[in-house]
């Protein structure tokens, strides 16, 4: 029982040798094209901008709830981000790809808890 040596938890250079038939043959010096056209590239840039705005709004909500940011700064920053959000969604192609916030979150793996609940809450 005590005499046996336990196996390493993770593969070590000596315990794992990759097989040449399992490794991918890709050229690491080759440039990868992410979009086929300028319009497609613009669409992905707009969706990336929307993604970053959503993540930033979530962080802003957390900071506001922790009282780490003044209400005036919160309001100013939130208004600016929401204007950018709306301007990105003004294009029909972006709106068609975005659909709605819940669909976008599911499609792109956005994890925001505070943003939707605060956004849907009635203001007085």
N, C-alpha and C. Protein backbone atom coordinates (compact mmCIF):
# COMPACT_ATOMS: atom_id res chain seq x y z
N UNK A 1 0.82 -1.19 0.00
CA UNK A 1 0.00 0.00 0.00
C UNK A 1 0.86 1.25 0.00
N UNK A 2 1.85 1.35 0.92
CA UNK A 2 2.68 2.53 1.00
C UNK A 2 3.86 2.46 0.05
N UNK A 3 4.16 1.29 -0.44
CA UNK A 3 5.31 1.12 -1.29
C UNK A 3 5.09 1.58 -2.73
N UNK A 4 3.82 1.70 -3.16
CA UNK A 4 3.55 2.09 -4.54
C UNK A 4 3.69 3.60 -4.71
N UNK A 5 4.29 3.99 -5.83
CA UNK A 5 4.43 5.41 -6.13
C UNK A 5 3.16 5.88 -6.85
N UNK A 6 2.59 7.01 -6.39
CA UNK A 6 1.38 7.53 -7.03
C UNK A 6 1.74 8.16 -8.37
N UNK A 7 0.78 8.09 -9.28
CA UNK A 7 0.97 8.69 -10.58
C UNK A 7 0.87 10.21 -10.47
N UNK A 8 1.53 10.88 -11.36
CA UNK A 8 1.48 12.35 -11.38
C UNK A 8 0.06 12.79 -11.70
N UNK A 9 -0.38 13.89 -11.12
CA UNK A 9 -1.72 14.42 -11.34
C UNK A 9 -1.90 14.89 -12.79
N UNK A 10 -0.95 15.65 -13.27
CA UNK A 10 -1.02 16.16 -14.63
C UNK A 10 0.09 15.50 -15.45
N UNK A 11 -0.12 15.39 -16.75
CA UNK A 11 0.93 14.78 -17.57
C UNK A 11 2.24 15.56 -17.45
N UNK A 12 3.31 14.85 -17.34
CA UNK A 12 4.63 15.46 -17.31
C UNK A 12 5.30 15.23 -18.66
N UNK A 13 6.36 15.93 -18.96
CA UNK A 13 7.01 15.73 -20.26
C UNK A 13 7.40 14.27 -20.52
N UNK A 14 7.60 13.50 -19.47
CA UNK A 14 8.05 12.13 -19.63
C UNK A 14 6.88 11.14 -19.70
N UNK A 15 5.70 11.55 -19.23
CA UNK A 15 4.58 10.62 -19.20
C UNK A 15 3.64 10.78 -20.40
N UNK A 16 3.83 11.82 -21.18
CA UNK A 16 2.94 12.05 -22.32
C UNK A 16 3.75 12.46 -23.54
N UNK A 17 3.59 11.73 -24.60
CA UNK A 17 4.25 12.06 -25.85
C UNK A 17 3.16 12.20 -26.91
N UNK A 18 3.01 13.40 -27.50
CA UNK A 18 1.94 13.57 -28.48
C UNK A 18 2.18 12.73 -29.72
N UNK A 19 1.10 12.24 -30.25
CA UNK A 19 1.17 11.43 -31.45
C UNK A 19 1.06 12.36 -32.66
N UNK A 20 1.85 12.11 -33.68
CA UNK A 20 1.85 12.99 -34.85
C UNK A 20 0.54 12.92 -35.62
N UNK A 21 -0.20 11.82 -35.52
CA UNK A 21 -1.46 11.73 -36.25
C UNK A 21 -2.59 12.43 -35.52
N UNK A 22 -2.40 12.84 -34.28
CA UNK A 22 -3.42 13.57 -33.53
C UNK A 22 -3.19 15.08 -33.52
N UNK A 23 -2.01 15.52 -33.87
CA UNK A 23 -1.71 16.95 -33.84
C UNK A 23 -2.18 17.61 -35.12
N UNK A 24 -2.65 18.84 -35.00
CA UNK A 24 -3.12 19.60 -36.15
C UNK A 24 -1.93 20.11 -36.95
N UNK A 25 -2.12 20.17 -38.22
CA UNK A 25 -1.06 20.70 -39.08
C UNK A 25 -1.47 22.10 -39.53
N UNK A 26 -1.11 23.08 -38.73
CA UNK A 26 -1.43 24.47 -39.06
C UNK A 26 -0.13 25.25 -39.15
N UNK A 27 -0.16 26.26 -39.95
CA UNK A 27 0.99 27.14 -40.10
C UNK A 27 0.80 28.32 -39.16
N UNK A 28 1.63 28.44 -38.16
CA UNK A 28 1.49 29.51 -37.18
C UNK A 28 1.91 30.87 -37.73
N UNK A 29 2.57 30.88 -38.88
CA UNK A 29 2.97 32.14 -39.51
C UNK A 29 1.90 32.67 -40.46
N UNK A 30 0.87 31.89 -40.72
CA UNK A 30 -0.17 32.29 -41.66
C UNK A 30 -1.18 33.22 -40.98
N UNK A 31 -1.53 34.30 -41.66
CA UNK A 31 -2.50 35.25 -41.12
C UNK A 31 -3.91 34.66 -41.21
N UNK A 32 -4.67 34.81 -40.16
CA UNK A 32 -6.03 34.29 -40.11
C UNK A 32 -7.00 35.42 -40.40
N UNK A 33 -7.89 35.20 -41.35
CA UNK A 33 -8.90 36.21 -41.65
C UNK A 33 -10.13 35.94 -40.81
N UNK A 34 -10.57 36.94 -40.05
CA UNK A 34 -11.73 36.78 -39.19
C UNK A 34 -13.03 37.13 -39.90
N UNK A 35 -12.92 37.91 -40.96
CA UNK A 35 -14.10 38.32 -41.70
C UNK A 35 -13.80 38.26 -43.20
N UNK A 36 -14.83 37.96 -43.97
CA UNK A 36 -14.66 37.84 -45.42
C UNK A 36 -14.78 39.17 -46.14
N UNK A 37 -15.44 40.14 -45.51
CA UNK A 37 -15.65 41.43 -46.17
C UNK A 37 -15.56 42.56 -45.15
N UNK A 38 -15.50 43.77 -45.65
CA UNK A 38 -15.45 44.94 -44.76
C UNK A 38 -16.76 45.08 -43.98
N UNK A 39 -17.87 44.75 -44.62
CA UNK A 39 -19.17 44.85 -43.94
C UNK A 39 -19.25 43.86 -42.79
N UNK A 40 -18.75 42.65 -43.01
CA UNK A 40 -18.76 41.65 -41.95
C UNK A 40 -17.83 42.07 -40.81
N UNK A 41 -16.68 42.63 -41.16
CA UNK A 41 -15.74 43.11 -40.14
C UNK A 41 -16.38 44.23 -39.32
N UNK A 42 -17.09 45.16 -39.99
CA UNK A 42 -17.78 46.24 -39.28
C UNK A 42 -18.87 45.69 -38.35
N UNK A 43 -19.57 44.66 -38.81
CA UNK A 43 -20.60 44.04 -37.98
C UNK A 43 -19.98 43.47 -36.71
N UNK A 44 -18.89 42.71 -36.85
CA UNK A 44 -18.25 42.12 -35.67
C UNK A 44 -17.65 43.18 -34.76
N UNK A 45 -17.14 44.26 -35.33
CA UNK A 45 -16.63 45.35 -34.50
C UNK A 45 -17.76 46.00 -33.70
N UNK A 46 -18.92 46.17 -34.31
CA UNK A 46 -20.07 46.75 -33.60
C UNK A 46 -20.56 45.82 -32.50
N UNK A 47 -20.62 44.52 -32.80
CA UNK A 47 -21.04 43.55 -31.78
C UNK A 47 -20.03 43.49 -30.64
N UNK A 48 -18.75 43.60 -30.96
CA UNK A 48 -17.72 43.62 -29.92
C UNK A 48 -17.85 44.87 -29.05
N UNK A 49 -18.18 45.99 -29.67
CA UNK A 49 -18.39 47.24 -28.93
C UNK A 49 -19.58 47.09 -27.98
N UNK A 50 -20.67 46.49 -28.47
CA UNK A 50 -21.85 46.26 -27.63
C UNK A 50 -21.49 45.34 -26.46
N UNK A 51 -20.74 44.29 -26.74
CA UNK A 51 -20.29 43.38 -25.69
C UNK A 51 -19.53 44.14 -24.61
N UNK A 52 -18.59 44.97 -25.03
CA UNK A 52 -17.77 45.70 -24.06
C UNK A 52 -18.61 46.70 -23.27
N UNK A 53 -19.60 47.30 -23.90
CA UNK A 53 -20.49 48.23 -23.19
C UNK A 53 -21.29 47.49 -22.14
N UNK A 54 -21.80 46.32 -22.46
CA UNK A 54 -22.58 45.53 -21.51
C UNK A 54 -21.72 45.14 -20.31
N UNK A 55 -20.50 44.68 -20.56
CA UNK A 55 -19.59 44.29 -19.48
C UNK A 55 -19.23 45.51 -18.62
N UNK A 56 -19.01 46.65 -19.26
CA UNK A 56 -18.68 47.87 -18.53
C UNK A 56 -19.86 48.35 -17.69
N UNK A 57 -21.06 48.27 -18.24
CA UNK A 57 -22.25 48.65 -17.47
C UNK A 57 -22.43 47.75 -16.25
N UNK A 58 -22.13 46.47 -16.41
CA UNK A 58 -22.22 45.55 -15.27
C UNK A 58 -21.22 45.94 -14.18
N UNK A 59 -20.00 46.25 -14.58
CA UNK A 59 -18.99 46.68 -13.61
C UNK A 59 -19.38 48.00 -12.95
N UNK A 60 -19.97 48.88 -13.73
CA UNK A 60 -20.43 50.17 -13.21
C UNK A 60 -21.54 49.97 -12.18
N UNK A 61 -22.46 49.04 -12.46
CA UNK A 61 -23.54 48.72 -11.51
C UNK A 61 -22.95 48.21 -10.19
N UNK A 62 -21.97 47.32 -10.29
CA UNK A 62 -21.34 46.78 -9.08
C UNK A 62 -20.68 47.89 -8.27
N UNK A 63 -19.97 48.77 -8.96
CA UNK A 63 -19.29 49.88 -8.27
C UNK A 63 -20.30 50.80 -7.60
N UNK A 64 -21.41 51.06 -8.27
CA UNK A 64 -22.44 51.94 -7.72
C UNK A 64 -23.10 51.30 -6.49
N UNK A 65 -23.39 50.01 -6.59
CA UNK A 65 -24.03 49.32 -5.46
C UNK A 65 -23.11 49.22 -4.25
N UNK A 66 -21.80 49.20 -4.49
CA UNK A 66 -20.83 49.16 -3.39
C UNK A 66 -20.47 50.55 -2.90
N UNK A 67 -21.08 51.55 -3.49
CA UNK A 67 -20.83 52.94 -3.14
C UNK A 67 -19.39 53.35 -3.44
N UNK A 68 -18.82 52.77 -4.50
CA UNK A 68 -17.45 53.08 -4.90
C UNK A 68 -17.39 54.21 -5.90
N UNK A 69 -18.54 54.63 -6.39
CA UNK A 69 -18.60 55.68 -7.39
C UNK A 69 -19.72 56.65 -7.00
N UNK A 70 -19.46 57.92 -7.21
CA UNK A 70 -20.47 58.93 -6.87
C UNK A 70 -21.65 58.81 -7.81
N UNK A 71 -22.82 59.20 -7.33
CA UNK A 71 -24.03 59.10 -8.14
C UNK A 71 -23.93 59.94 -9.41
N UNK A 72 -23.32 61.11 -9.32
CA UNK A 72 -23.18 61.97 -10.50
C UNK A 72 -22.29 61.31 -11.56
N UNK A 73 -21.19 60.69 -11.13
CA UNK A 73 -20.31 59.98 -12.06
C UNK A 73 -21.01 58.77 -12.66
N UNK A 74 -21.75 58.06 -11.81
CA UNK A 74 -22.50 56.90 -12.26
C UNK A 74 -23.49 57.29 -13.35
N UNK A 75 -24.27 58.33 -13.08
CA UNK A 75 -25.29 58.77 -14.03
C UNK A 75 -24.67 59.23 -15.34
N UNK A 76 -23.62 60.02 -15.25
CA UNK A 76 -22.95 60.53 -16.45
C UNK A 76 -22.37 59.39 -17.29
N UNK A 77 -21.68 58.46 -16.64
CA UNK A 77 -21.06 57.35 -17.35
C UNK A 77 -22.11 56.41 -17.93
N UNK A 78 -23.13 56.15 -17.16
CA UNK A 78 -24.21 55.27 -17.61
C UNK A 78 -24.92 55.87 -18.83
N UNK A 79 -25.22 57.15 -18.79
CA UNK A 79 -25.88 57.82 -19.92
C UNK A 79 -25.01 57.76 -21.17
N UNK A 80 -23.71 58.01 -21.01
CA UNK A 80 -22.80 57.97 -22.16
C UNK A 80 -22.73 56.57 -22.75
N UNK A 81 -22.62 55.54 -21.91
CA UNK A 81 -22.56 54.17 -22.40
C UNK A 81 -23.86 53.74 -23.07
N UNK A 82 -24.98 54.17 -22.53
CA UNK A 82 -26.27 53.82 -23.14
C UNK A 82 -26.45 54.51 -24.49
N UNK A 83 -25.94 55.73 -24.64
CA UNK A 83 -25.99 56.40 -25.95
C UNK A 83 -25.13 55.65 -26.96
N UNK A 84 -23.95 55.19 -26.53
CA UNK A 84 -23.09 54.41 -27.43
C UNK A 84 -23.76 53.08 -27.80
N UNK A 85 -24.40 52.46 -26.83
CA UNK A 85 -25.12 51.20 -27.04
C UNK A 85 -26.21 51.39 -28.10
N UNK A 86 -26.99 52.46 -27.95
CA UNK A 86 -28.08 52.73 -28.89
C UNK A 86 -27.55 53.10 -30.27
N UNK A 87 -26.47 53.83 -30.33
CA UNK A 87 -25.92 54.22 -31.63
C UNK A 87 -25.36 53.01 -32.37
N UNK A 88 -24.80 52.05 -31.64
CA UNK A 88 -24.33 50.82 -32.29
C UNK A 88 -25.49 49.98 -32.81
N UNK A 89 -26.61 50.02 -32.13
CA UNK A 89 -27.78 49.24 -32.55
C UNK A 89 -28.61 49.95 -33.61
N UNK A 90 -28.21 51.14 -34.00
CA UNK A 90 -28.98 51.90 -35.00
C UNK A 90 -28.90 51.24 -36.38
N UNK A 91 -27.82 50.58 -36.69
CA UNK A 91 -27.67 49.92 -37.98
C UNK A 91 -28.55 48.66 -38.03
N UNK A 92 -29.28 48.49 -39.11
CA UNK A 92 -30.21 47.35 -39.23
C UNK A 92 -29.49 46.01 -39.15
N UNK A 93 -28.32 45.94 -39.78
CA UNK A 93 -27.57 44.67 -39.79
C UNK A 93 -27.12 44.29 -38.38
N UNK A 94 -26.70 45.28 -37.61
CA UNK A 94 -26.28 45.03 -36.23
C UNK A 94 -27.49 44.63 -35.39
N UNK A 95 -28.61 45.31 -35.57
CA UNK A 95 -29.83 44.99 -34.83
C UNK A 95 -30.30 43.58 -35.14
N UNK A 96 -30.20 43.18 -36.42
CA UNK A 96 -30.62 41.83 -36.81
C UNK A 96 -29.72 40.77 -36.16
N UNK A 97 -28.43 41.03 -36.06
CA UNK A 97 -27.51 40.08 -35.44
C UNK A 97 -27.64 40.07 -33.92
N UNK A 98 -27.97 41.23 -33.35
CA UNK A 98 -28.10 41.38 -31.90
C UNK A 98 -29.38 40.74 -31.38
N UNK A 99 -30.48 40.91 -32.05
CA UNK A 99 -31.84 40.46 -31.72
C UNK A 99 -32.33 41.17 -30.46
N UNK A 100 -31.97 40.66 -29.28
CA UNK A 100 -32.31 41.32 -28.01
C UNK A 100 -31.23 40.95 -26.99
N UNK A 101 -31.30 41.57 -25.82
CA UNK A 101 -30.24 41.40 -24.83
C UNK A 101 -30.10 39.95 -24.38
N UNK A 102 -31.21 39.26 -24.14
CA UNK A 102 -31.14 37.88 -23.67
C UNK A 102 -30.54 36.96 -24.74
N UNK A 103 -30.91 37.16 -26.00
CA UNK A 103 -30.36 36.36 -27.08
C UNK A 103 -28.87 36.63 -27.25
N UNK A 104 -28.48 37.90 -27.19
CA UNK A 104 -27.07 38.28 -27.31
C UNK A 104 -26.25 37.66 -26.19
N UNK A 105 -26.78 37.73 -24.96
CA UNK A 105 -26.08 37.15 -23.81
C UNK A 105 -25.88 35.65 -24.01
N UNK A 106 -26.88 34.97 -24.50
CA UNK A 106 -26.78 33.52 -24.71
C UNK A 106 -25.81 33.19 -25.84
N UNK A 107 -25.90 33.93 -26.93
CA UNK A 107 -25.05 33.66 -28.10
C UNK A 107 -23.57 33.93 -27.82
N UNK A 108 -23.28 34.97 -27.07
CA UNK A 108 -21.89 35.40 -26.88
C UNK A 108 -21.35 35.11 -25.49
N UNK A 109 -22.11 34.42 -24.65
CA UNK A 109 -21.63 34.04 -23.33
C UNK A 109 -21.42 35.20 -22.38
N UNK A 110 -22.26 36.21 -22.47
CA UNK A 110 -22.15 37.36 -21.58
C UNK A 110 -22.79 36.99 -20.25
N UNK A 111 -22.04 37.20 -19.18
CA UNK A 111 -22.57 36.92 -17.85
C UNK A 111 -22.75 38.23 -17.11
N UNK A 112 -23.97 38.70 -17.07
CA UNK A 112 -24.26 39.90 -16.28
C UNK A 112 -25.53 39.65 -15.50
N UNK A 113 -25.43 39.86 -14.22
CA UNK A 113 -26.54 39.59 -13.31
C UNK A 113 -27.28 40.87 -12.96
N UNK A 114 -26.54 41.91 -12.66
CA UNK A 114 -27.14 43.16 -12.18
C UNK A 114 -27.78 43.99 -13.28
N UNK A 115 -27.18 43.99 -14.44
CA UNK A 115 -27.64 44.87 -15.52
C UNK A 115 -29.09 44.64 -15.91
N UNK A 116 -29.51 43.43 -16.24
CA UNK A 116 -30.90 43.26 -16.66
C UNK A 116 -31.90 43.58 -15.56
N UNK A 117 -31.60 43.17 -14.32
CA UNK A 117 -32.55 43.40 -13.24
C UNK A 117 -32.68 44.89 -12.93
N UNK A 118 -31.59 45.63 -12.96
CA UNK A 118 -31.64 47.06 -12.69
C UNK A 118 -32.30 47.79 -13.86
N UNK A 119 -32.06 47.31 -15.08
CA UNK A 119 -32.61 47.97 -16.26
C UNK A 119 -34.12 47.83 -16.32
N UNK A 120 -34.65 46.70 -15.88
CA UNK A 120 -36.09 46.45 -15.96
C UNK A 120 -36.86 46.98 -14.77
N UNK A 121 -36.14 47.38 -13.71
CA UNK A 121 -36.79 47.90 -12.52
C UNK A 121 -37.43 49.24 -12.79
N UNK A 122 -38.65 49.47 -12.35
CA UNK A 122 -39.25 50.79 -12.55
C UNK A 122 -38.53 51.86 -11.75
N UNK A 123 -38.39 53.03 -12.36
CA UNK A 123 -37.77 54.15 -11.65
C UNK A 123 -38.86 55.09 -11.17
N UNK A 124 -38.62 55.68 -10.04
CA UNK A 124 -39.61 56.61 -9.45
C UNK A 124 -39.11 58.03 -9.52
